[in-house]
Amino acid sequence: MSSRLPPHLALPRPHLLPILLGGGLALTLAVALPRLALADEPPFVDAPKLRPDELPPSPPSVPAKARDDLSGFPYATPQDKHYLRAAVEVFSVLIIGNVDYLQNTTARGGTLKNGDHRWDLRYDWPTFHDKLTGDYYKVDTNHFNTNYISHPFAGTNYYTAARSNHLGVGEALAYAAVGALTWEYFGELREEVSINDAIVTEVAGMGIGEPVMQLRSFFRRSEKNWRNDLLAVVVAPIGAINDFADGGALERSRNLDGNGFTTDVWHRFELFAGGGATWQGRATSASPRGAYADATFGLDTQLKNLPGWERGPDRTAFFDDGNVTSLRFDFTLSDGRMVDGRLETHLVPIGVYARRMGNDSRSFVGLSGSFEYGVHEFDRDGTRPIDLVAVVSPFGVVAEHEQRLGPLRLRSRMDLYAEFAGVTSYALDDYRFAHRRDDTNLQTVLRQEGYYHALGVTVAPELGVGWGPLDVFGRARLDTWQGIGGFDENQERIKREIPLADRRMSVTGGAAVTIPGTGLRVGALGRRQVRAGEVGEVRASRSEAQILGTVSVLF
C-alpha cells in the first residue's frame, strides 16, 4: 500500500482570472470609497478677524489619553473601527469562493446531481426550507483537505479582514462566523448545512488569523527597513491594504535589538534544521522493526505582547487583545519523501499576567485557542495509509510561569483544551480485514474518505530548566478523540452506530546549548510517539522512537 498522499487530498487549481478580477474590484471599492468621500468636504475658508477683546475664552486643557501599552496594534494616530468596510471585504471573499466553488464543485466534494451543469446549479425550495428549519444539518463527506485546508483558509481571510479594520478579537470572530454561516446557507447551493464547516471555518480563522496579525504588528513596530516592511505585507496583506486606505501607521519602537526588532514585545524566532533516525515498532509479530534516516526543517515564532515580561517593575494586568501567540511549521524528509509535516498555531486572546521583581518571576493565565494540521507516517512500511489529523480548539485554558534563581531559570506551562477534529481512522483497515470489508453501518465519510469528524480533548504539559547557555526541556501531549454520531448524510442507512475513537501520545525530552555571543543554538532531543485507534471492537496501535540533532538560528 502506498504511503503517499492520495490524489484526492490535493487541492484543485483555481481559475485565477475571475478570482483576481472579482477580488480586485471589491478591494478597489473598499479602498477608494472612504477617500472619495473626502472630496465632498467644503474648501477651507479663513475665519473672520476678531479684536483681542472679542476673542472667545480658551477651552480648558484636557490631558491626552495615555496609550494602552497592552494594545496589540498601537497606531500613531487613533483609528476608527470600519464595520461596513469589514463586511464588504468578507462579502468579497465569499464571492471569490463561490466562483471557485461553482467551477470546481465535484473536485471539492460538492453535490452535482445528474443532469446538472456547473453554472446551472441553483436552490430548490425544499433544500432551502430544510436549512432554515434545521432539518438539513449534517457532517459532510467532502475531501479532507476541502474541510481542513480550504475552510480554514477562508476563515482566516474573514477574520483578518475584520481584524485589519480595527475590530477586536471577539468582533473579528463574529464576522468570521457570519461569513461561515453565509457560505453554508447561500454559498453551497444544494448541500446541507455542514456542522463541521460551521465550526471549523471561524475557529481556524481565529487560530491562524490572530497569530499572523500579531506578527504583522510586530514587524510594523520594529525598525523601518525593507525587510520588516516586506514581512509585514507577506504575513497579512489585507492589513497592508487597509492601512494604506486609512493612512494608518503603527508607532515605531525606540527599543530595538541587534536585528532591528522591537523589544517592547517579547519574541523568539527560531529557524532550525537537523537530522537523525526513527525506529518504528512491528506492524505484526512477524514484521521486522524498521529504522529510517530523517532530515527535519522548521520555523518557530513566539510573541508575548506583555510589557515588562522579560524585565520590568512589579505589575499585574488584564489583557484582551490577542497578546500571546505562536506559529510553528516543520517537516521531516526520509528516503526522498515527506514523512511528517505540521502547521500549528496557538493564541491567548484574553488573560491576566503578573511580573514580580522580588523573586524575578513572570506568569500568565488565560483562555486559549489553537489550530493544527498535521501529516505523519506511523507506518513507513506501507501497512496503513498516511495519518492526517486536523484540530481546531474553540476553547481552552493555559497557564505559564517563569522564574529565575540567580543563574538558574525555571519554566513551566500547561495547556488544556477542548477541540473539534478531523481524524484519519487508524484502525479502519484492521476493521475491514476483520469484517471481510463489510462497511455496513460505518459513517459515509469514513467509508468514502477514510476519516471522520470528532470531538476531543488535549492535555499538554511542559517543563524547562536553564543554566547559562544550557537549556534542558521536557514536554508531553495526549490527544483523545471520539467520533460524532447521528448526523450522517445517510443516517437512515445506519442501523447501529459503530463507535469510533483515536488517540495520539507524544513524550519529548532534550537539551540545547546557545553559543555565547551568537544566535546559534545546537541541540539534541529524543521523542517517543504512540498512535492508536478503535473502530467498534477492533483496535490497532503502533509506536515509534526518534533521536534528532538540530542546529538553530535564533533572531
Protein backbone atom coordinates (compact mmCIF):
# COMPACT_ATOMS: atom_id res chain seq x y z
CA MET A 1 0.00 0.00 0.00
CA SER A 2 1.43 3.38 -0.93
CA SER A 3 2.12 5.82 1.87
CA ARG A 4 1.94 8.88 -0.33
CA LEU A 5 -0.92 11.34 -0.12
CA PRO A 6 -3.89 10.18 -2.20
CA PRO A 7 -4.58 12.35 -5.26
CA HIS A 8 -7.98 13.49 -3.94
CA LEU A 9 -6.27 15.16 -0.98
CA ALA A 10 -4.61 17.73 -3.25
CA LEU A 11 -6.47 20.98 -3.76
CA PRO A 12 -7.66 21.71 -7.31
CA ARG A 13 -6.02 24.51 -9.22
CA PRO A 14 -8.35 27.55 -9.12
CA HIS A 15 -9.28 29.61 -12.17
CA LEU A 16 -7.29 32.73 -11.40
CA LEU A 17 -8.78 35.26 -13.82
CA PRO A 18 -12.31 35.56 -12.35
CA ILE A 19 -10.90 35.35 -8.86
CA LEU A 20 -8.40 38.19 -9.43
CA LEU A 21 -10.96 40.35 -11.25
CA GLY A 22 -13.62 39.90 -8.55
CA GLY A 23 -11.20 40.39 -5.71
CA GLY A 24 -9.54 43.40 -7.32
CA LEU A 25 -12.87 45.12 -7.93
CA ALA A 26 -14.13 44.55 -4.40
CA LEU A 27 -10.90 45.66 -2.73
CA THR A 28 -10.62 48.71 -5.01
CA LEU A 29 -14.10 49.82 -3.96
CA ALA A 30 -13.32 49.19 -0.30
CA VAL A 31 -10.15 51.29 -0.52
CA ALA A 32 -11.48 54.05 -2.80
CA LEU A 33 -14.86 54.85 -1.24
CA PRO A 34 -13.51 56.37 2.01
CA ARG A 35 -11.13 58.57 0.06
CA LEU A 36 -13.74 59.67 -2.49
CA ALA A 37 -15.96 60.78 0.35
CA LEU A 38 -13.33 63.35 1.32
CA ALA A 39 -13.90 65.16 -1.99
CA ASP A 40 -17.33 66.32 -0.78
CA GLU A 41 -15.90 68.38 2.09
CA PRO A 42 -16.12 72.19 1.65
CA PRO A 43 -12.92 74.09 0.84
CA PHE A 44 -11.05 75.82 3.65
CA VAL A 45 -12.34 79.35 4.43
CA ASP A 46 -10.44 81.92 6.51
CA ALA A 47 -12.13 82.76 9.79
CA PRO A 48 -13.14 86.42 10.30
CA LYS A 49 -10.57 88.62 12.07
CA LEU A 50 -11.55 89.50 15.65
CA ARG A 51 -10.23 92.16 18.05
CA PRO A 52 -8.45 90.77 21.14
CA ASP A 53 -11.41 91.76 23.37
CA GLU A 54 -13.77 89.78 21.08
CA LEU A 55 -11.81 86.51 21.22
CA PRO A 56 -13.74 83.68 22.96
CA PRO A 57 -12.18 82.23 26.08
CA SER A 58 -9.83 79.29 25.52
CA PRO A 59 -11.38 75.92 26.40
CA PRO A 60 -9.88 74.18 29.42
CA SER A 61 -7.00 71.91 28.52
CA VAL A 62 -7.75 68.18 28.51
CA PRO A 63 -4.86 65.86 29.31
CA ALA A 64 -4.01 63.49 26.48
CA LYS A 65 -5.20 59.95 26.99
CA ALA A 66 -2.34 57.63 27.80
CA ARG A 67 -1.65 54.99 25.16
CA ASP A 68 -2.68 51.48 26.09
CA ASP A 69 0.63 49.62 26.17
CA LEU A 70 -1.25 46.31 26.06
CA SER A 71 -2.81 47.12 22.68
CA GLY A 72 -1.77 44.67 20.00
CA PHE A 73 -1.92 47.42 17.36
CA PRO A 74 -0.68 50.78 18.77
CA TYR A 75 -1.31 53.24 15.94
CA ALA A 76 0.43 56.61 15.89
CA THR A 77 -3.00 58.23 15.45
CA PRO A 78 -6.26 56.70 16.73
CA GLN A 79 -8.10 54.59 14.16
CA ASP A 80 -11.86 54.18 13.87
CA LYS A 81 -13.46 50.76 13.54
CA HIS A 82 -14.70 50.19 9.99
CA TYR A 83 -17.60 47.78 10.39
CA LEU A 84 -19.03 48.38 6.91
CA ARG A 85 -15.73 48.03 5.09
CA ALA A 86 -15.03 44.82 7.01
CA ALA A 87 -18.40 43.47 5.85
CA VAL A 88 -17.61 44.42 2.23
CA GLU A 89 -14.28 42.60 2.40
CA VAL A 90 -15.82 39.49 3.96
CA PHE A 91 -18.50 39.53 1.26
CA SER A 92 -15.75 39.84 -1.39
CA VAL A 93 -14.10 36.69 -0.05
CA LEU A 94 -17.47 34.92 -0.25
CA ILE A 95 -17.94 35.97 -3.90
CA ILE A 96 -14.45 34.77 -4.86
CA GLY A 97 -15.05 31.49 -3.03
CA ASN A 98 -18.39 30.98 -4.74
CA VAL A 99 -16.90 31.48 -8.21
CA ASP A 100 -14.22 28.92 -7.38
CA TYR A 101 -16.82 26.56 -5.90
CA LEU A 102 -19.04 26.66 -8.98
CA GLN A 103 -16.07 25.91 -11.22
CA ASN A 104 -14.75 23.08 -9.04
CA THR A 105 -17.84 21.60 -7.39
CA THR A 106 -17.12 17.92 -7.88
CA ALA A 107 -13.40 18.38 -7.23
CA ARG A 108 -14.25 19.98 -3.88
CA GLY A 109 -16.56 17.13 -2.95
CA GLY A 110 -19.72 19.17 -3.50
CA THR A 111 -23.07 17.91 -4.74
CA LEU A 112 -23.52 17.81 -8.51
CA LYS A 113 -26.69 15.93 -9.43
CA ASN A 114 -27.36 14.03 -12.65
CA GLY A 115 -28.04 16.44 -15.48
CA ASP A 116 -26.63 19.48 -13.65
CA HIS A 117 -24.02 21.76 -15.15
CA ARG A 118 -21.72 23.91 -13.07
CA TRP A 119 -23.36 27.21 -13.86
CA ASP A 120 -26.89 25.74 -13.73
CA LEU A 121 -26.72 24.91 -10.03
CA ARG A 122 -29.46 26.71 -8.13
CA TYR A 123 -31.51 26.44 -4.98
CA ASP A 124 -34.59 24.33 -4.77
CA TRP A 125 -37.15 25.31 -2.14
CA PRO A 126 -37.18 22.01 -0.19
CA THR A 127 -33.41 22.23 0.36
CA PHE A 128 -33.52 25.86 1.49
CA HIS A 129 -36.58 25.22 3.68
CA ASP A 130 -34.79 22.37 5.45
CA LYS A 131 -31.75 24.59 6.01
CA LEU A 132 -33.90 27.27 7.63
CA THR A 133 -35.76 24.82 9.87
CA GLY A 134 -32.62 22.98 10.97
CA ASP A 135 -33.62 19.68 9.34
CA TYR A 136 -30.67 19.75 6.95
CA TYR A 137 -27.73 19.83 9.37
CA LYS A 138 -25.16 17.07 8.77
CA VAL A 139 -21.46 16.32 8.95
CA ASP A 140 -20.32 16.40 5.34
CA THR A 141 -18.33 13.93 3.24
CA ASN A 142 -16.04 16.34 1.42
CA HIS A 143 -12.39 15.53 0.89
CA PHE A 144 -10.19 16.00 3.97
CA ASN A 145 -8.31 18.98 2.54
CA THR A 146 -11.51 20.70 1.45
CA ASN A 147 -12.75 20.64 5.02
CA TYR A 148 -9.47 21.27 6.83
CA ILE A 149 -7.44 23.43 4.43
CA SER A 150 -9.92 25.31 2.23
CA HIS A 151 -12.31 26.25 5.04
CA PRO A 152 -9.56 27.34 7.48
CA PHE A 153 -8.09 29.44 4.65
CA ALA A 154 -11.46 31.11 4.03
CA GLY A 155 -11.95 31.66 7.77
CA THR A 156 -8.51 33.27 8.01
CA ASN A 157 -9.49 35.72 5.26
CA TYR A 158 -12.77 36.56 7.04
CA TYR A 159 -11.01 37.05 10.37
CA THR A 160 -8.06 39.12 9.13
CA ALA A 161 -10.38 41.31 7.04
CA ALA A 162 -12.28 42.25 10.20
CA ARG A 163 -9.21 42.48 12.44
CA SER A 164 -7.36 44.75 10.00
CA ASN A 165 -10.37 47.09 10.07
CA HIS A 166 -9.52 47.65 13.77
CA LEU A 167 -12.16 45.33 15.21
CA GLY A 168 -11.45 43.42 18.41
CA VAL A 169 -10.81 39.69 18.71
CA GLY A 170 -14.43 38.89 19.59
CA GLU A 171 -15.80 41.11 16.84
CA ALA A 172 -13.49 39.58 14.23
CA LEU A 173 -14.54 36.09 15.35
CA ALA A 174 -18.20 37.12 14.96
CA TYR A 175 -17.52 38.38 11.40
CA ALA A 176 -15.81 35.08 10.57
CA ALA A 177 -18.81 33.18 11.98
CA VAL A 178 -21.23 35.24 9.87
CA GLY A 179 -19.06 34.57 6.81
CA ALA A 180 -19.04 30.82 7.55
CA LEU A 181 -22.80 30.62 8.04
CA THR A 182 -23.49 32.75 4.96
CA TRP A 183 -21.42 30.30 2.95
CA GLU A 184 -23.27 27.31 4.38
CA TYR A 185 -26.73 28.78 3.70
CA PHE A 186 -26.16 30.60 0.43
CA GLY A 187 -22.79 29.56 -1.00
CA GLU A 188 -23.03 25.79 -1.25
CA LEU A 189 -26.21 25.67 -3.28
CA ARG A 190 -27.70 22.22 -2.85
CA GLU A 191 -25.63 20.95 0.06
CA GLU A 192 -26.72 20.51 3.63
CA VAL A 193 -25.54 22.91 6.33
CA SER A 194 -22.26 21.30 7.32
CA ILE A 195 -21.81 21.18 11.09
CA ASN A 196 -18.07 20.68 10.76
CA ASP A 197 -17.62 23.60 8.34
CA ALA A 198 -19.74 25.90 10.53
CA ILE A 199 -17.34 25.21 13.42
CA VAL A 200 -14.00 24.83 11.69
CA THR A 201 -14.14 27.90 9.44
CA GLU A 202 -14.29 30.65 12.05
CA VAL A 203 -12.37 28.85 14.82
CA ALA A 204 -9.48 28.01 12.49
CA GLY A 205 -9.78 31.54 11.07
CA MET A 206 -9.10 32.98 14.51
CA GLY A 207 -6.47 30.33 15.28
CA ILE A 208 -4.44 31.24 12.20
CA GLY A 209 -5.55 34.85 11.71
CA GLU A 210 -4.63 36.23 15.12
CA PRO A 211 -1.02 34.95 15.11
CA VAL A 212 -0.37 36.35 11.62
CA MET A 213 -1.94 39.70 12.55
CA GLN A 214 0.24 39.88 15.67
CA LEU A 215 3.30 39.08 13.55
CA ARG A 216 2.34 41.89 11.18
CA SER A 217 2.04 44.28 14.11
CA PHE A 218 5.43 43.17 15.44
CA PHE A 219 7.20 43.87 12.13
CA ARG A 220 5.39 47.21 11.71
CA ARG A 221 6.51 48.28 15.20
CA SER A 222 10.12 47.29 14.57
CA GLU A 223 12.79 49.29 12.76
CA LYS A 224 11.62 50.74 9.44
CA ASN A 225 13.50 48.89 6.74
CA TRP A 226 12.63 46.93 3.62
CA ARG A 227 12.83 43.56 5.40
CA ASN A 228 10.38 44.39 8.16
CA ASP A 229 8.01 46.18 5.78
CA LEU A 230 8.07 43.22 3.37
CA LEU A 231 7.44 40.68 6.15
CA ALA A 232 4.51 42.75 7.42
CA VAL A 233 2.91 42.67 3.96
CA VAL A 234 3.61 38.98 3.35
CA VAL A 235 2.11 37.67 6.61
CA ALA A 236 -1.11 39.74 6.38
CA PRO A 237 -1.58 41.51 3.03
CA ILE A 238 -5.14 42.66 3.78
CA GLY A 239 -3.74 44.64 6.72
CA ALA A 240 -1.37 46.47 4.37
CA ILE A 241 -4.26 47.34 2.02
CA ASN A 242 -6.45 48.71 4.82
CA ASP A 243 -3.62 50.66 6.44
CA PHE A 244 -2.89 52.25 3.05
CA ALA A 245 -6.56 53.21 2.73
CA ASP A 246 -6.60 54.78 6.19
CA GLY A 247 -3.14 56.31 6.08
CA GLY A 248 -2.58 54.44 9.34
CA ALA A 249 0.85 53.63 10.71
CA LEU A 250 1.83 51.81 13.87
CA GLU A 251 4.19 53.54 16.27
CA ARG A 252 7.77 52.54 15.60
CA SER A 253 9.53 51.35 18.73
CA ARG A 254 12.59 53.15 20.08
CA ASN A 255 13.72 49.97 21.81
CA LEU A 256 15.35 47.68 19.25
CA ASP A 257 17.61 44.65 19.36
CA GLY A 258 20.57 43.95 17.12
CA ASN A 259 18.28 42.59 14.40
CA GLY A 260 16.14 45.73 14.28
CA PHE A 261 13.21 44.06 16.05
CA THR A 262 11.27 45.79 18.79
CA THR A 263 12.00 44.67 22.35
CA ASP A 264 8.71 46.14 23.60
CA VAL A 265 7.20 42.79 22.57
CA TRP A 266 8.99 39.67 23.80
CA HIS A 267 9.78 37.44 20.85
CA ARG A 268 11.59 34.25 19.99
CA PHE A 269 12.09 33.27 16.34
CA GLU A 270 13.92 30.01 15.67
CA LEU A 271 14.87 28.67 12.24
CA PHE A 272 16.17 25.12 12.57
CA ALA A 273 17.41 22.08 10.66
CA GLY A 274 18.60 18.71 11.79
CA GLY A 275 18.93 15.03 11.21
CA GLY A 276 18.59 11.74 12.99
CA ALA A 277 16.85 8.39 12.94
CA THR A 278 13.41 6.91 13.60
CA TRP A 279 12.61 3.38 14.74
CA GLN A 280 9.06 2.11 14.27
CA GLY A 281 7.55 -0.85 16.08
CA ARG A 282 6.47 -4.03 14.33
CA ALA A 283 3.23 -3.94 12.36
CA THR A 284 2.71 -7.61 13.28
CA SER A 285 4.62 -10.06 15.42
CA ALA A 286 6.29 -11.39 12.27
CA SER A 287 7.27 -7.96 10.89
CA PRO A 288 10.79 -6.58 11.30
CA ARG A 289 11.39 -3.42 13.32
CA GLY A 290 12.05 -0.60 10.83
CA ALA A 291 14.83 2.00 11.11
CA TYR A 292 14.86 5.12 8.94
CA ALA A 293 17.14 8.14 8.43
CA ASP A 294 15.47 11.55 8.75
CA ALA A 295 16.15 15.19 7.93
CA THR A 296 13.99 17.86 9.59
CA PHE A 297 13.47 21.58 8.98
CA GLY A 298 11.23 24.20 10.53
CA LEU A 299 10.42 27.67 11.80
CA ASP A 300 9.04 28.51 15.23
CA THR A 301 7.74 32.00 16.13
CA GLN A 302 6.54 33.13 19.56
CA LEU A 303 5.28 36.56 20.68
CA LYS A 304 4.28 37.92 24.08
CA ASN A 305 2.99 41.48 23.96
CA LEU A 306 3.16 41.78 27.76
CA PRO A 307 5.17 44.90 28.69
CA GLY A 308 7.92 44.17 31.19
CA TRP A 309 7.71 40.41 30.65
CA GLU A 310 11.47 39.95 30.42
CA ARG A 311 12.46 42.68 32.86
CA GLY A 312 10.38 45.42 34.42
CA PRO A 313 8.67 46.67 37.57
CA ASP A 314 6.01 44.82 39.52
CA ARG A 315 2.78 44.70 37.60
CA THR A 316 -0.47 42.76 37.38
CA ALA A 317 -2.60 43.49 34.32
CA PHE A 318 -5.55 42.18 32.33
CA PHE A 319 -5.13 41.79 28.56
CA ASP A 320 -7.71 41.12 25.84
CA ASP A 321 -6.05 41.88 22.50
CA GLY A 322 -4.56 38.52 21.47
CA ASN A 323 -1.35 39.36 23.31
CA VAL A 324 0.23 35.88 23.38
CA THR A 325 0.60 33.95 20.09
CA SER A 326 2.79 31.37 18.41
CA LEU A 327 3.06 29.83 14.97
CA ARG A 328 5.20 26.82 14.07
CA PHE A 329 5.78 24.99 10.81
CA ASP A 330 8.06 21.97 10.42
CA PHE A 331 8.52 18.96 8.17
CA THR A 332 10.66 15.83 8.02
CA LEU A 333 12.03 14.07 4.94
CA SER A 334 13.06 10.44 4.67
CA ASP A 335 14.04 8.46 1.59
CA GLY A 336 13.13 11.40 -0.65
CA ARG A 337 9.57 11.95 0.63
CA MET A 338 7.86 13.88 3.40
CA VAL A 339 7.02 11.60 6.32
CA ASP A 340 5.96 14.30 8.78
CA GLY A 341 4.66 17.84 8.44
CA ARG A 342 2.79 20.18 10.73
CA LEU A 343 1.37 23.69 10.92
CA GLU A 344 0.46 24.53 14.50
CA THR A 345 -0.72 27.82 15.99
CA HIS A 346 -1.71 28.97 19.48
CA LEU A 347 -3.21 32.17 20.83
CA VAL A 348 -4.25 33.58 24.19
CA PRO A 349 -6.86 36.24 23.33
CA ILE A 350 -7.69 37.13 26.93
CA GLY A 351 -6.00 36.65 30.29
CA VAL A 352 -4.09 38.08 33.22
CA TYR A 353 -0.32 38.37 33.61
CA ALA A 354 1.91 39.26 36.55
CA ARG A 355 5.53 40.39 36.89
CA ARG A 356 7.36 40.36 40.23
CA MET A 357 10.81 41.87 40.75
CA GLY A 358 11.28 40.39 44.24
CA ASN A 359 11.61 36.81 43.06
CA ASP A 360 12.26 37.65 39.39
CA SER A 361 9.17 35.82 38.16
CA ARG A 362 6.63 36.29 35.42
CA SER A 363 3.45 34.35 34.64
CA PHE A 364 0.14 34.48 32.84
CA VAL A 365 -3.10 32.53 32.77
CA GLY A 366 -5.83 32.88 30.16
CA LEU A 367 -8.26 31.41 27.69
CA SER A 368 -6.64 29.89 24.63
CA GLY A 369 -7.32 28.65 21.13
CA SER A 370 -5.33 26.68 18.58
CA PHE A 371 -5.18 25.17 15.12
CA GLU A 372 -3.20 22.20 13.88
CA TYR A 373 -2.91 20.48 10.53
CA GLY A 374 -0.57 17.53 10.61
CA VAL A 375 0.52 14.61 8.46
CA HIS A 376 2.65 11.73 9.75
CA GLU A 377 3.67 8.27 8.56
CA PHE A 378 3.35 5.96 11.53
CA ASP A 379 3.59 3.05 9.07
CA ARG A 380 6.52 3.66 6.73
CA ASP A 381 6.34 0.04 5.65
CA GLY A 382 3.04 0.84 3.89
CA THR A 383 0.78 -1.30 6.08
CA ARG A 384 -1.59 1.65 6.63
CA PRO A 385 -2.26 4.96 4.85
CA ILE A 386 -0.52 8.15 5.91
CA ASP A 387 -2.06 9.68 9.04
CA LEU A 388 -3.89 13.01 8.58
CA VAL A 389 -5.17 14.95 11.58
CA ALA A 390 -6.59 18.48 11.78
CA VAL A 391 -7.56 20.02 15.11
CA VAL A 392 -9.31 23.29 15.96
CA SER A 393 -9.77 24.39 19.55
CA PRO A 394 -12.51 26.96 20.21
CA PHE A 395 -11.88 26.92 23.95
CA GLY A 396 -9.02 26.07 26.26
CA VAL A 397 -7.09 27.28 29.27
CA VAL A 398 -3.35 27.85 29.57
CA ALA A 399 -1.01 28.80 32.42
CA GLU A 400 2.68 29.62 32.10
CA HIS A 401 5.24 30.55 34.76
CA GLU A 402 8.90 31.54 34.57
CA GLN A 403 11.29 32.26 37.42
CA ARG A 404 14.98 32.96 37.84
CA LEU A 405 17.02 31.98 40.87
CA GLY A 406 20.38 33.54 40.17
CA PRO A 407 21.78 31.79 37.07
CA LEU A 408 19.05 29.12 37.26
CA ARG A 409 16.00 29.51 35.01
CA LEU A 410 12.76 27.59 35.52
CA ARG A 411 9.82 27.46 33.14
CA SER A 412 6.54 25.51 33.26
CA ARG A 413 3.43 25.53 31.14
CA MET A 414 0.16 23.62 30.99
CA ASP A 415 -2.34 23.59 28.13
CA LEU A 416 -5.77 22.00 28.37
CA TYR A 417 -8.31 22.46 25.62
CA ALA A 418 -11.42 21.02 24.04
CA GLU A 419 -11.38 20.55 20.29
CA PHE A 420 -13.15 19.64 17.09
CA ALA A 421 -11.09 17.46 14.78
CA GLY A 422 -10.86 15.63 11.50
CA VAL A 423 -9.13 12.31 12.23
CA THR A 424 -7.86 9.55 9.97
CA SER A 425 -9.20 6.32 11.49
CA TYR A 426 -6.10 4.37 12.45
CA ALA A 427 -7.97 1.06 12.87
CA LEU A 428 -10.13 1.26 9.73
CA ASP A 429 -8.08 -1.18 7.63
CA ASP A 430 -7.92 -3.63 10.53
CA TYR A 431 -11.71 -3.38 10.96
CA ARG A 432 -12.28 -4.05 7.27
CA PHE A 433 -9.96 -7.04 7.37
CA ALA A 434 -11.72 -8.46 10.43
CA HIS A 435 -15.18 -7.90 8.86
CA ARG A 436 -14.21 -9.01 5.36
CA ARG A 437 -14.63 -5.46 4.03
CA ASP A 438 -18.22 -5.19 5.22
CA ASP A 439 -18.75 -1.43 5.69
CA THR A 440 -22.35 -1.73 6.82
CA ASN A 441 -23.15 0.90 9.48
CA LEU A 442 -19.89 2.79 9.01
CA GLN A 443 -20.26 6.56 8.57
CA THR A 444 -20.33 7.71 4.95
CA VAL A 445 -17.29 9.98 5.24
CA LEU A 446 -15.33 7.13 6.85
CA ARG A 447 -16.27 4.67 4.10
CA GLN A 448 -15.52 7.10 1.28
CA GLU A 449 -12.62 9.18 2.59
CA GLY A 450 -11.07 7.19 5.46
CA TYR A 451 -11.50 9.86 8.14
CA TYR A 452 -14.26 11.09 10.45
CA HIS A 453 -15.26 14.20 12.41
CA ALA A 454 -14.66 14.03 16.14
CA LEU A 455 -14.75 15.84 19.47
CA GLY A 456 -11.67 15.61 21.66
CA VAL A 457 -9.52 16.83 24.50
CA THR A 458 -5.81 17.66 24.59
CA VAL A 459 -3.51 17.89 27.61
CA ALA A 460 0.00 19.27 27.04
CA PRO A 461 2.41 19.97 29.96
CA GLU A 462 5.92 21.41 29.52
CA LEU A 463 8.89 21.89 31.85
CA GLY A 464 12.23 23.59 31.19
CA VAL A 465 15.39 24.27 33.22
CA GLY A 466 18.22 26.56 32.13
CA TRP A 467 21.68 27.42 33.42
CA GLY A 468 23.75 29.91 31.48
CA PRO A 469 23.78 28.86 27.79
CA LEU A 470 22.36 25.39 28.60
CA ASP A 471 18.65 24.53 28.44
CA VAL A 472 17.08 21.18 29.29
CA PHE A 473 13.41 20.59 28.50
CA GLY A 474 10.65 18.02 28.54
CA ARG A 475 7.14 18.09 27.17
CA ALA A 476 4.26 15.70 26.64
CA ARG A 477 1.00 15.75 24.75
CA LEU A 478 -2.03 13.49 24.84
CA ASP A 479 -4.88 13.80 22.32
CA THR A 480 -8.01 11.69 22.56
CA TRP A 481 -10.91 11.82 20.08
CA GLN A 482 -14.41 10.33 19.89
CA GLY A 483 -16.40 10.19 16.65
CA ILE A 484 -19.58 12.27 16.24
CA GLY A 485 -22.61 10.11 15.55
CA GLY A 486 -26.20 10.74 14.48
CA PHE A 487 -25.54 13.38 11.79
CA ASP A 488 -24.53 11.28 8.78
CA GLU A 489 -25.90 12.42 5.42
CA ASN A 490 -27.20 8.85 5.01
CA GLN A 491 -28.22 8.37 8.62
CA GLU A 492 -31.23 6.27 7.66
CA ARG A 493 -28.83 3.62 6.29
CA ILE A 494 -27.06 3.28 9.63
CA LYS A 495 -28.96 0.83 11.84
CA ARG A 496 -26.32 0.67 14.58
CA GLU A 497 -23.65 3.32 15.22
CA ILE A 498 -20.13 1.87 15.17
CA PRO A 499 -18.10 3.63 17.93
CA LEU A 500 -15.01 5.45 16.64
CA ALA A 501 -12.08 6.54 18.78
CA ASP A 502 -8.44 7.52 18.23
CA ARG A 503 -5.54 8.57 20.45
CA ARG A 504 -2.14 10.13 19.96
CA MET A 505 0.56 10.43 22.61
CA SER A 506 3.97 12.10 22.40
CA VAL A 507 6.74 12.49 25.01
CA THR A 508 9.81 14.58 24.14
CA GLY A 509 12.97 15.42 26.09
CA GLY A 510 16.17 17.15 25.10
CA ALA A 511 18.89 19.71 25.70
CA ALA A 512 20.31 22.66 23.75
CA VAL A 513 23.29 25.00 24.09
CA THR A 514 23.37 28.55 22.76
CA ILE A 515 26.85 29.55 21.62
CA PRO A 516 27.70 32.73 23.60
CA GLY A 517 27.80 35.92 21.57
CA THR A 518 25.94 34.36 18.65
CA GLY A 519 22.43 33.40 17.70
CA LEU A 520 23.47 29.80 17.03
CA ARG A 521 21.98 27.00 19.08
CA VAL A 522 22.93 23.31 18.99
CA GLY A 523 20.66 20.69 20.49
CA ALA A 524 19.55 17.07 20.65
CA LEU A 525 16.23 15.50 21.52
CA GLY A 526 14.55 12.17 21.87
CA ARG A 527 10.88 11.53 21.22
CA ARG A 528 8.51 8.63 21.62
CA GLN A 529 5.10 8.60 19.95
CA VAL A 530 2.18 6.20 20.11
CA ARG A 531 -0.78 6.18 17.72
CA ALA A 532 -3.86 4.08 18.45
CA GLY A 533 -7.39 3.76 17.12
CA GLU A 534 -10.60 1.81 17.56
CA VAL A 535 -13.44 1.02 15.17
CA GLY A 536 -16.07 -0.94 17.02
CA GLU A 537 -14.39 -3.84 18.79
CA VAL A 538 -11.25 -3.69 16.57
CA ARG A 539 -8.16 -1.94 17.89
CA ALA A 540 -4.84 -1.05 16.29
CA SER A 541 -1.74 0.78 17.52
CA ARG A 542 1.87 1.46 16.68
CA SER A 543 4.75 3.25 18.37
CA GLU A 544 7.94 4.88 17.22
CA ALA A 545 11.10 6.34 18.77
CA GLN A 546 13.17 9.16 17.32
CA ILE A 547 16.53 10.79 18.00
CA LEU A 548 17.40 14.11 16.36
CA GLY A 549 20.28 16.54 16.41
CA THR A 550 19.46 20.15 15.46
CA VAL A 551 21.18 23.41 14.62
CA SER A 552 19.12 26.58 15.07
CA VAL A 553 19.43 30.27 14.37
CA LEU A 554 17.72 32.49 16.95
CA PHE A 555 16.68 36.01 15.97
